Structure formats: C-alpha cells, structure tokens
PDB file of N, CA and C in Angstrom:
ATOM      1  N   MET A   1     -74.666 198.171  90.462  1.00  0.00           N
ATOM      2  CA  MET A   1     -75.397 197.075  91.038  1.00  0.00           C
ATOM      3  C   MET A   1     -75.005 195.809  90.279  1.00  0.00           C
ATOM      4  N   TYR A   2     -74.782 194.771  91.021  1.00  0.00           N
ATOM      5  CA  TYR A   2     -74.485 193.481  90.426  1.00  0.00           C
ATOM      6  C   TYR A   2     -75.602 192.521  90.807  1.00  0.00           C
ATOM      7  N   VAL A   3     -76.053 191.730  89.863  1.00  0.00           N
ATOM      8  CA  VAL A   3     -77.059 190.714  90.124  1.00  0.00           C
ATOM      9  C   VAL A   3     -76.426 189.378  89.772  1.00  0.00           C
ATOM     10  N   PHE A   4     -76.388 188.483  90.737  1.00  0.00           N
ATOM     11  CA  PHE A   4     -75.808 187.167  90.527  1.00  0.00           C
ATOM     12  C   PHE A   4     -76.929 186.141  90.444  1.00  0.00           C
ATOM     13  N   VAL A   5     -76.900 185.325  89.414  1.00  0.00           N
ATOM     14  CA  VAL A   5     -77.880 184.265  89.232  1.00  0.00           C
ATOM     15  C   VAL A   5     -77.098 182.973  89.051  1.00  0.00           C
ATOM     16  N   TYR A   6     -77.451 181.963  89.798  1.00  0.00           N
ATOM     17  CA  TYR A   6     -76.771 180.690  89.617  1.00  0.00           C
ATOM     18  C   TYR A   6     -77.793 179.571  89.615  1.00  0.00           C
ATOM     19  N   GLY A   7     -77.385 178.456  89.078  1.00  0.00           N
ATOM     20  CA  GLY A   7     -78.285 177.321  88.955  1.00  0.00           C
ATOM     21  C   GLY A   7     -78.717 177.143  87.506  1.00  0.00           C
ATOM     22  N   ASP A   8     -79.712 176.335  87.300  1.00  0.00           N
ATOM     23  CA  ASP A   8     -80.233 176.062  85.970  1.00  0.00           C
ATOM     24  C   ASP A   8     -81.251 177.141  85.621  1.00  0.00           C
ATOM     25  N   TYR A   9     -80.911 178.053  84.706  1.00  0.00           N
ATOM     26  CA  TYR A   9     -81.788 179.168  84.363  1.00  0.00           C
ATOM     27  C   TYR A   9     -81.589 179.554  82.907  1.00  0.00           C
ATOM     28  N   ASP A  10     -82.571 180.281  82.382  1.00  0.00           N
ATOM     29  CA  ASP A  10     -82.514 180.812  81.021  1.00  0.00           C
ATOM     30  C   ASP A  10     -81.997 182.251  81.116  1.00  0.00           C
ATOM     31  N   GLU A  11     -80.915 182.557  80.423  1.00  0.00           N
ATOM     32  CA  GLU A  11     -80.272 183.870  80.535  1.00  0.00           C
ATOM     33  C   GLU A  11     -81.212 185.005  80.136  1.00  0.00           C
ATOM     34  N   GLU A  12     -81.974 184.834  79.070  1.00  0.00           N
ATOM     35  CA  GLU A  12     -82.904 185.888  78.640  1.00  0.00           C
ATOM     36  C   GLU A  12     -83.977 186.136  79.701  1.00  0.00           C
ATOM     37  N   TRP A  13     -84.507 185.067  80.277  1.00  0.00           N
ATOM     38  CA  TRP A  13     -85.515 185.214  81.326  1.00  0.00           C
ATOM     39  C   TRP A  13     -84.935 185.931  82.531  1.00  0.00           C
ATOM     40  N   ALA A  14     -83.720 185.533  82.953  1.00  0.00           N
ATOM     41  CA  ALA A  14     -83.096 186.151  84.130  1.00  0.00           C
ATOM     42  C   ALA A  14     -82.833 187.632  83.885  1.00  0.00           C
ATOM     43  N   THR A  15     -82.349 187.988  82.698  1.00  0.00           N
ATOM     44  CA  THR A  15     -82.087 189.383  82.365  1.00  0.00           C
ATOM     45  C   THR A  15     -83.379 190.190  82.365  1.00  0.00           C
ATOM     46  N   SER A  16     -84.421 189.663  81.740  1.00  0.00           N
ATOM     47  CA  SER A  16     -85.690 190.397  81.688  1.00  0.00           C
ATOM     48  C   SER A  16     -86.295 190.543  83.082  1.00  0.00           C
ATOM     49  N   LYS A  17     -86.157 189.528  83.919  1.00  0.00           N
ATOM     50  CA  LYS A  17     -86.689 189.596  85.286  1.00  0.00           C
ATOM     51  C   LYS A  17     -85.935 190.642  86.110  1.00  0.00           C
ATOM     52  N   ALA A  18     -84.601 190.682  85.978  1.00  0.00           N
ATOM     53  CA  ALA A  18     -83.804 191.673  86.707  1.00  0.00           C
ATOM     54  C   ALA A  18     -84.172 193.087  86.257  1.00  0.00           C
ATOM     55  N   LEU A  19     -84.344 193.284  84.953  1.00  0.00           N
ATOM     56  CA  LEU A  19     -84.725 194.608  84.447  1.00  0.00           C
ATOM     57  C   LEU A  19     -86.131 194.978  84.894  1.00  0.00           C
ATOM     58  N   GLU A  20     -87.004 193.997  84.966  1.00  0.00           N
ATOM     59  CA  GLU A  20     -88.379 194.243  85.439  1.00  0.00           C
ATOM     60  C   GLU A  20     -88.370 194.702  86.903  1.00  0.00           C
ATOM     61  N   ILE A  21     -87.549 194.069  87.706  1.00  0.00           N
ATOM     62  CA  ILE A  21     -87.507 194.369  89.135  1.00  0.00           C
ATOM     63  C   ILE A  21     -86.759 195.673  89.415  1.00  0.00           C
ATOM     64  N   PHE A  22     -85.593 195.841  88.782  1.00  0.00           N
ATOM     65  CA  PHE A  22     -84.736 196.977  89.107  1.00  0.00           C
ATOM     66  C   PHE A  22     -84.838 198.126  88.113  1.00  0.00           C
ATOM     67  N   GLY A  23     -85.436 197.894  86.951  1.00  0.00           N
ATOM     68  CA  GLY A  23     -85.588 198.951  85.952  1.00  0.00           C
ATOM     69  C   GLY A  23     -84.327 199.144  85.126  1.00  0.00           C
ATOM     70  N   GLU A  24     -84.465 199.933  84.066  1.00  0.00           N
ATOM     71  CA  GLU A  24     -83.339 200.163  83.154  1.00  0.00           C
ATOM     72  C   GLU A  24     -82.766 201.568  83.283  1.00  0.00           C
ATOM     73  N   GLU A  25     -83.322 202.363  84.186  1.00  0.00           N
ATOM     74  CA  GLU A  25     -82.878 203.747  84.266  1.00  0.00           C
ATOM     75  C   GLU A  25     -81.425 203.843  84.729  1.00  0.00           C
ATOM     76  N   LYS A  26     -80.747 204.851  84.231  1.00  0.00           N
ATOM     77  CA  LYS A  26     -79.356 205.087  84.619  1.00  0.00           C
ATOM     78  C   LYS A  26     -79.324 205.569  86.064  1.00  0.00           C
ATOM     79  N   ARG A  27     -78.344 205.144  86.771  1.00  0.00           N
ATOM     80  CA  ARG A  27     -78.180 205.574  88.158  1.00  0.00           C
ATOM     81  C   ARG A  27     -76.842 206.270  88.317  1.00  0.00           C
ATOM     82  N   GLU A  28     -76.795 207.132  89.272  1.00  0.00           N
ATOM     83  CA  GLU A  28     -75.556 207.844  89.570  1.00  0.00           C
ATOM     84  C   GLU A  28     -74.556 206.869  90.181  1.00  0.00           C
ATOM     85  N   SER A  29     -73.308 206.988  89.788  1.00  0.00           N
ATOM     86  CA  SER A  29     -72.278 206.128  90.355  1.00  0.00           C
ATOM     87  C   SER A  29     -72.043 206.492  91.813  1.00  0.00           C
ATOM     88  N   ILE A  30     -71.947 205.484  92.636  1.00  0.00           N
ATOM     89  CA  ILE A  30     -71.667 205.692  94.044  1.00  0.00           C
ATOM     90  C   ILE A  30     -70.264 205.169  94.304  1.00  0.00           C
ATOM     91  N   HIS A  31     -69.437 205.996  94.838  1.00  0.00           N
ATOM     92  CA  HIS A  31     -68.064 205.596  95.144  1.00  0.00           C
ATOM     93  C   HIS A  31     -67.944 205.397  96.640  1.00  0.00           C
ATOM     94  N   ASN A  32     -67.589 204.217  97.025  1.00  0.00           N
ATOM     95  CA  ASN A  32     -67.432 203.889  98.433  1.00  0.00           C
ATOM     96  C   ASN A  32     -65.955 203.663  98.687  1.00  0.00           C
ATOM     97  N   ASN A  33     -65.355 204.566  99.393  1.00  0.00           N
ATOM     98  CA  ASN A  33     -63.933 204.450  99.703  1.00  0.00           C
ATOM     99  C   ASN A  33     -63.709 203.840 101.084  1.00  0.00           C
ATOM    100  N   PHE A  34     -64.738 203.221 101.615  1.00  0.00           N
ATOM    101  CA  PHE A  34     -64.669 202.625 102.945  1.00  0.00           C
ATOM    102  C   PHE A  34     -63.848 201.346 102.891  1.00  0.00           C
ATOM    103  N   PHE A  35     -62.872 201.234 103.743  1.00  0.00           N
ATOM    104  CA  PHE A  35     -62.036 200.039 103.778  1.00  0.00           C
ATOM    105  C   PHE A  35     -61.649 199.755 105.217  1.00  0.00           C
ATOM    106  N   VAL A  36     -61.778 198.534 105.625  1.00  0.00           N
ATOM    107  CA  VAL A  36     -61.401 198.133 106.976  1.00  0.00           C
ATOM    108  C   VAL A  36     -60.356 197.033 106.850  1.00  0.00           C
ATOM    109  N   ASN A  37     -59.254 197.223 107.490  1.00  0.00           N
ATOM    110  CA  ASN A  37     -58.206 196.201 107.511  1.00  0.00           C
ATOM    111  C   ASN A  37     -57.900 195.905 108.970  1.00  0.00           C
ATOM    112  N   ILE A  38     -58.477 194.820 109.469  1.00  0.00           N
ATOM    113  CA  ILE A  38     -58.269 194.442 110.859  1.00  0.00           C
ATOM    114  C   ILE A  38     -57.097 193.478 110.914  1.00  0.00           C
ATOM    115  N   PRO A  39     -56.043 193.841 111.617  1.00  0.00           N
ATOM    116  CA  PRO A  39     -54.883 192.955 111.679  1.00  0.00           C
ATOM    117  C   PRO A  39     -55.235 191.606 112.310  1.00  0.00           C
ATOM    118  N   PHE A  40     -54.714 190.567 111.725  1.00  0.00           N
ATOM    119  CA  PHE A  40     -54.944 189.217 112.216  1.00  0.00           C
ATOM    120  C   PHE A  40     -54.050 188.961 113.408  1.00  0.00           C
ATOM    121  N   GLU A  41     -54.653 188.570 114.523  1.00  0.00           N
ATOM    122  CA  GLU A  41     -53.857 188.308 115.721  1.00  0.00           C
ATOM    123  C   GLU A  41     -53.700 186.810 115.972  1.00  0.00           C
ATOM    124  N   ASN A  42     -54.822 186.127 116.071  1.00  0.00           N
ATOM    125  CA  ASN A  42     -54.748 184.689 116.272  1.00  0.00           C
ATOM    126  C   ASN A  42     -56.113 184.070 115.982  1.00  0.00           C
ATOM    127  N   THR A  43     -56.156 182.771 115.945  1.00  0.00           N
ATOM    128  CA  THR A  43     -57.393 182.044 115.673  1.00  0.00           C
ATOM    129  C   THR A  43     -58.134 181.831 116.980  1.00  0.00           C
ATOM    130  N   ARG A  44     -59.448 182.063 116.942  1.00  0.00           N
ATOM    131  CA  ARG A  44     -60.279 181.819 118.112  1.00  0.00           C
ATOM    132  C   ARG A  44     -61.239 180.683 117.795  1.00  0.00           C
ATOM    133  N   TYR A  45     -61.380 179.778 118.707  1.00  0.00           N
ATOM    134  CA  TYR A  45     -62.335 178.686 118.576  1.00  0.00           C
ATOM    135  C   TYR A  45     -63.366 178.834 119.688  1.00  0.00           C
ATOM    136  N   VAL A  46     -64.618 178.845 119.325  1.00  0.00           N
ATOM    137  CA  VAL A  46     -65.702 178.941 120.294  1.00  0.00           C
ATOM    138  C   VAL A  46     -66.612 177.745 120.073  1.00  0.00           C
ATOM    139  N   THR A  47     -66.856 176.992 121.113  1.00  0.00           N
ATOM    140  CA  THR A  47     -67.728 175.827 121.013  1.00  0.00           C
ATOM    141  C   THR A  47     -68.871 175.988 122.004  1.00  0.00           C
ATOM    142  N   GLU A  48     -70.081 175.848 121.500  1.00  0.00           N
ATOM    143  CA  GLU A  48     -71.268 175.863 122.351  1.00  0.00           C
ATOM    144  C   GLU A  48     -71.992 174.546 122.147  1.00  0.00           C
ATOM    145  N   GLU A  49     -72.443 173.941 123.201  1.00  0.00           N
ATOM    146  CA  GLU A  49     -73.122 172.661 123.091  1.00  0.00           C
ATOM    147  C   GLU A  49     -74.575 172.801 123.510  1.00  0.00           C
ATOM    148  N   MET A  50     -75.451 172.133 122.728  1.00  0.00           N
ATOM    149  CA  MET A  50     -76.884 172.128 123.008  1.00  0.00           C
ATOM    150  C   MET A  50     -77.424 170.736 122.715  1.00  0.00           C
ATOM    151  N   GLU A  51     -78.503 170.370 123.383  1.00  0.00           N
ATOM    152  CA  GLU A  51     -79.142 169.091 123.091  1.00  0.00           C
ATOM    153  C   GLU A  51     -80.084 169.295 121.912  1.00  0.00           C
ATOM    154  N   VAL A  52     -79.606 168.960 120.723  1.00  0.00           N
ATOM    155  CA  VAL A  52     -80.393 169.123 119.502  1.00  0.00           C
ATOM    156  C   VAL A  52     -80.240 167.876 118.631  1.00  0.00           C
ATOM    157  N   ASN A  53     -81.151 167.732 117.667  1.00  0.00           N
ATOM    158  CA  ASN A  53     -81.073 166.614 116.730  1.00  0.00           C
ATOM    159  C   ASN A  53     -80.337 166.994 115.448  1.00  0.00           C
ATOM    160  N   GLN A  54     -80.184 168.281 115.216  1.00  0.00           N
ATOM    161  CA  GLN A  54     -79.515 168.736 113.999  1.00  0.00           C
ATOM    162  C   GLN A  54     -78.484 169.785 114.394  1.00  0.00           C
ATOM    163  N   GLY A  55     -77.308 169.672 113.850  1.00  0.00           N
ATOM    164  CA  GLY A  55     -76.248 170.597 114.199  1.00  0.00           C
ATOM    165  C   GLY A  55     -76.234 171.838 113.326  1.00  0.00           C
ATOM    166  N   LYS A  56     -75.527 172.839 113.781  1.00  0.00           N
ATOM    167  CA  LYS A  56     -75.362 174.075 113.031  1.00  0.00           C
ATOM    168  C   LYS A  56     -73.918 174.521 113.210  1.00  0.00           C
ATOM    169  N   ILE A  57     -73.312 174.924 112.109  1.00  0.00           N
ATOM    170  CA  ILE A  57     -71.941 175.408 112.183  1.00  0.00           C
ATOM    171  C   ILE A  57     -71.909 176.846 111.683  1.00  0.00           C
ATOM    172  N   ALA A  58     -71.167 177.671 112.376  1.00  0.00           N
ATOM    173  CA  ALA A  58     -70.986 179.053 111.951  1.00  0.00           C
ATOM    174  C   ALA A  58     -69.494 179.306 111.815  1.00  0.00           C
ATOM    175  N   LEU A  59     -69.087 179.769 110.636  1.00  0.00           N
ATOM    176  CA  LEU A  59     -67.680 180.050 110.382  1.00  0.00           C
ATOM    177  C   LEU A  59     -67.505 181.538 110.170  1.00  0.00           C
ATOM    178  N   GLY A  60     -66.505 182.092 110.761  1.00  0.00           N
ATOM    179  CA  GLY A  60     -66.139 183.481 110.504  1.00  0.00           C
ATOM    180  C   GLY A  60     -64.726 183.487 109.961  1.00  0.00           C
ATOM    181  N   ILE A  61     -64.571 183.977 108.752  1.00  0.00           N
ATOM    182  CA  ILE A  61     -63.260 183.956 108.110  1.00  0.00           C
ATOM    183  C   ILE A  61     -62.854 185.392 107.791  1.00  0.00           C
ATOM    184  N   ARG A  62     -61.759 185.822 108.363  1.00  0.00           N
ATOM    185  CA  ARG A  62     -61.258 187.168 108.093  1.00  0.00           C
ATOM    186  C   ARG A  62     -60.432 187.122 106.806  1.00  0.00           C
ATOM    187  N   THR A  63     -60.850 187.864 105.797  1.00  0.00           N
ATOM    188  CA  THR A  63     -60.175 187.813 104.504  1.00  0.00           C
ATOM    189  C   THR A  63     -59.477 189.110 104.133  1.00  0.00           C
ATOM    190  N   ASN A  64     -59.914 190.226 104.708  1.00  0.00           N
ATOM    191  CA  ASN A  64     -59.414 191.555 104.328  1.00  0.00           C
ATOM    192  C   ASN A  64     -59.513 191.787 102.821  1.00  0.00           C
ATOM    193  N   VAL A  65     -60.583 191.255 102.221  1.00  0.00           N
ATOM    194  CA  VAL A  65     -60.875 191.475 100.805  1.00  0.00           C
ATOM    195  C   VAL A  65     -62.077 192.405 100.749  1.00  0.00           C
ATOM    196  N   ASP A  66     -61.944 193.530 100.083  1.00  0.00           N
ATOM    197  CA  ASP A  66     -63.081 194.448  99.952  1.00  0.00           C
ATOM    198  C   ASP A  66     -63.521 194.507  98.493  1.00  0.00           C
ATOM    199  N   VAL A  67     -64.543 195.312  98.195  1.00  0.00           N
ATOM    200  CA  VAL A  67     -65.126 195.337  96.864  1.00  0.00           C
ATOM    201  C   VAL A  67     -64.181 195.864  95.796  1.00  0.00           C
ATOM    202  N   THR A  68     -63.102 196.502  96.181  1.00  0.00           N
ATOM    203  CA  THR A  68     -62.147 197.011  95.192  1.00  0.00           C
ATOM    204  C   THR A  68     -61.050 195.997  94.872  1.00  0.00           C
ATOM    205  N   SER A  69     -61.011 194.899  95.601  1.00  0.00           N
ATOM    206  CA  SER A  69     -59.971 193.893  95.406  1.00  0.00           C
ATOM    207  C   SER A  69     -60.267 193.034  94.184  1.00  0.00           C
ATOM    208  N   GLU A  70     -59.223 192.600  93.506  1.00  0.00           N
ATOM    209  CA  GLU A  70     -59.413 191.694  92.367  1.00  0.00           C
ATOM    210  C   GLU A  70     -59.871 190.318  92.840  1.00  0.00           C
ATOM    211  N   ASP A  71     -59.756 190.033  94.125  1.00  0.00           N
ATOM    212  CA  ASP A  71     -60.201 188.761  94.689  1.00  0.00           C
ATOM    213  C   ASP A  71     -61.648 188.802  95.180  1.00  0.00           C
ATOM    214  N   TYR A  72     -62.332 189.925  95.043  1.00  0.00           N
ATOM    215  CA  TYR A  72     -63.685 190.079  95.573  1.00  0.00           C
ATOM    216  C   TYR A  72     -64.657 189.049  95.003  1.00  0.00           C
ATOM    217  N   TYR A  73     -64.634 188.832  93.699  1.00  0.00           N
ATOM    218  CA  TYR A  73     -65.570 187.896  93.081  1.00  0.00           C
ATOM    219  C   TYR A  73     -65.239 186.453  93.436  1.00  0.00           C
ATOM    220  N   LYS A  74     -63.969 186.179  93.647  1.00  0.00           N
ATOM    221  CA  LYS A  74     -63.589 184.848  94.122  1.00  0.00           C
ATOM    222  C   LYS A  74     -64.157 184.616  95.518  1.00  0.00           C
ATOM    223  N   LEU A  75     -64.128 185.669  96.348  1.00  0.00           N
ATOM    224  CA  LEU A  75     -64.672 185.563  97.694  1.00  0.00           C
ATOM    225  C   LEU A  75     -66.188 185.368  97.665  1.00  0.00           C
ATOM    226  N   LEU A  76     -66.878 186.043  96.749  1.00  0.00           N
ATOM    227  CA  LEU A  76     -68.326 185.842  96.605  1.00  0.00           C
ATOM    228  C   LEU A  76     -68.640 184.395  96.234  1.00  0.00           C
ATOM    229  N   MET A  77     -67.845 183.824  95.345  1.00  0.00           N
ATOM    230  CA  MET A  77     -68.050 182.439  94.947  1.00  0.00           C
ATOM    231  C   MET A  77     -67.802 181.505  96.136  1.00  0.00           C
ATOM    232  N   LEU A  78     -66.750 181.754  96.889  1.00  0.00           N
ATOM    233  CA  LEU A  78     -66.459 180.951  98.074  1.00  0.00           C
ATOM    234  C   LEU A  78     -67.608 181.047  99.076  1.00  0.00           C
ATOM    235  N   ASN A  79     -68.133 182.255  99.260  1.00  0.00           N
ATOM    236  CA  ASN A  79     -69.253 182.446 100.173  1.00  0.00           C
ATOM    237  C   ASN A  79     -70.466 181.653  99.710  1.00  0.00           C
ATOM    238  N   GLY A  80     -70.712 181.627  98.408  1.00  0.00           N
ATOM    239  CA  GLY A  80     -71.826 180.853  97.881  1.00  0.00           C
ATOM    240  C   GLY A  80     -71.650 179.363  98.097  1.00  0.00           C
ATOM    241  N   ILE A  81     -70.423 178.889  97.934  1.00  0.00           N
ATOM    242  CA  ILE A  81     -70.151 177.460  98.101  1.00  0.00           C
ATOM    243  C   ILE A  81     -70.247 177.045  99.566  1.00  0.00           C
ATOM    244  N   LEU A  82     -69.750 177.903 100.465  1.00  0.00           N
ATOM    245  CA  LEU A  82     -69.679 177.512 101.874  1.00  0.00           C
ATOM    246  C   LEU A  82     -70.918 177.830 102.689  1.00  0.00           C
ATOM    247  N   GLY A  83     -71.848 178.633 102.185  1.00  0.00           N
ATOM    248  CA  GLY A  83     -72.990 178.816 103.045  1.00  0.00           C
ATOM    249  C   GLY A  83     -73.932 179.949 102.775  1.00  0.00           C
ATOM    250  N   ALA A  84     -73.896 180.576 101.633  1.00  0.00           N
ATOM    251  CA  ALA A  84     -74.765 181.728 101.384  1.00  0.00           C
ATOM    252  C   ALA A  84     -76.185 181.334 101.009  1.00  0.00           C
ATOM    253  N   SER A  85     -76.442 180.079 100.756  1.00  0.00           N
ATOM    254  CA  SER A  85     -77.776 179.693 100.299  1.00  0.00           C
ATOM    255  C   SER A  85     -78.024 178.214 100.584  1.00  0.00           C
ATOM    256  N   PRO A  86     -79.261 177.772 100.356  1.00  0.00           N
ATOM    257  CA  PRO A  86     -79.550 176.353 100.525  1.00  0.00           C
ATOM    258  C   PRO A  86     -78.793 175.432  99.578  1.00  0.00           C
ATOM    259  N   LYS A  87     -78.199 175.996  98.526  1.00  0.00           N
ATOM    260  CA  LYS A  87     -77.410 175.187  97.586  1.00  0.00           C
ATOM    261  C   LYS A  87     -75.954 175.050  98.028  1.00  0.00           C
ATOM    262  N   SER A  88     -75.603 175.659  99.152  1.00  0.00           N
ATOM    263  CA  SER A  88     -74.218 175.597  99.591  1.00  0.00           C
ATOM    264  C   SER A  88     -73.847 174.169  99.995  1.00  0.00           C
ATOM    265  N   LYS A  89     -72.567 173.895  99.969  1.00  0.00           N
ATOM    266  CA  LYS A  89     -72.092 172.552 100.270  1.00  0.00           C
ATOM    267  C   LYS A  89     -72.168 172.216 101.762  1.00  0.00           C
ATOM    268  N   LEU A  90     -72.308 173.253 102.602  1.00  0.00           N
ATOM    269  CA  LEU A  90     -72.400 172.995 104.045  1.00  0.00           C
ATOM    270  C   LEU A  90     -73.815 173.112 104.566  1.00  0.00           C
ATOM    271  N   PHE A  91     -74.805 173.305 103.684  1.00  0.00           N
ATOM    272  CA  PHE A  91     -76.181 173.476 104.142  1.00  0.00           C
ATOM    273  C   PHE A  91     -76.714 172.193 104.722  1.00  0.00           C
TER     274      PHE A  91
END
C-alpha cells in the first residue's frame, strides 16, 4: 500500500494518521500480473457543447504505463498536476 500526502503538512502527523487509519499489522504481499497494452491507433477528439457558465474539460491520455513500470510514479505526479484533486493546475 502506498499513501501519498502532498501540500503543507507535518511528516510525523501524516505518518501517525496513516498508521492510525490503516494500522501497523503486516499484510500478505499481493502480486498483480495484470497488464493491458492497447495499441495506439489514432487521436480522437470529441466535443460536446452545452449552455453553461462554467466549462469542464475531460482528458483521456493513453500511456501504457502500469504499476510495474519505472515511470509509474512520474505518471501519478502528472495525474496530480493535471486533475486528480482541487489543487490540480486544471481545476
């Protein structure tokens, strides 16, 4: 299990809170050999129009990066920057 904390926080507090929520007990390792590699064919653009005062953008990016890739954590960071939370740059 990985717990990601970002923003202005105290490391000791975050660690104690994570241990409080998830506990310290040892867990059995789970091996997931699931991998999907969908060949890239072409770019699709879909535009829907609505009469609204605030816009919304949805991006789908095919990366073919899975949890075993050395680029996985870079992808998590990119996801955080582009839209995983209210702190994202596109929020």
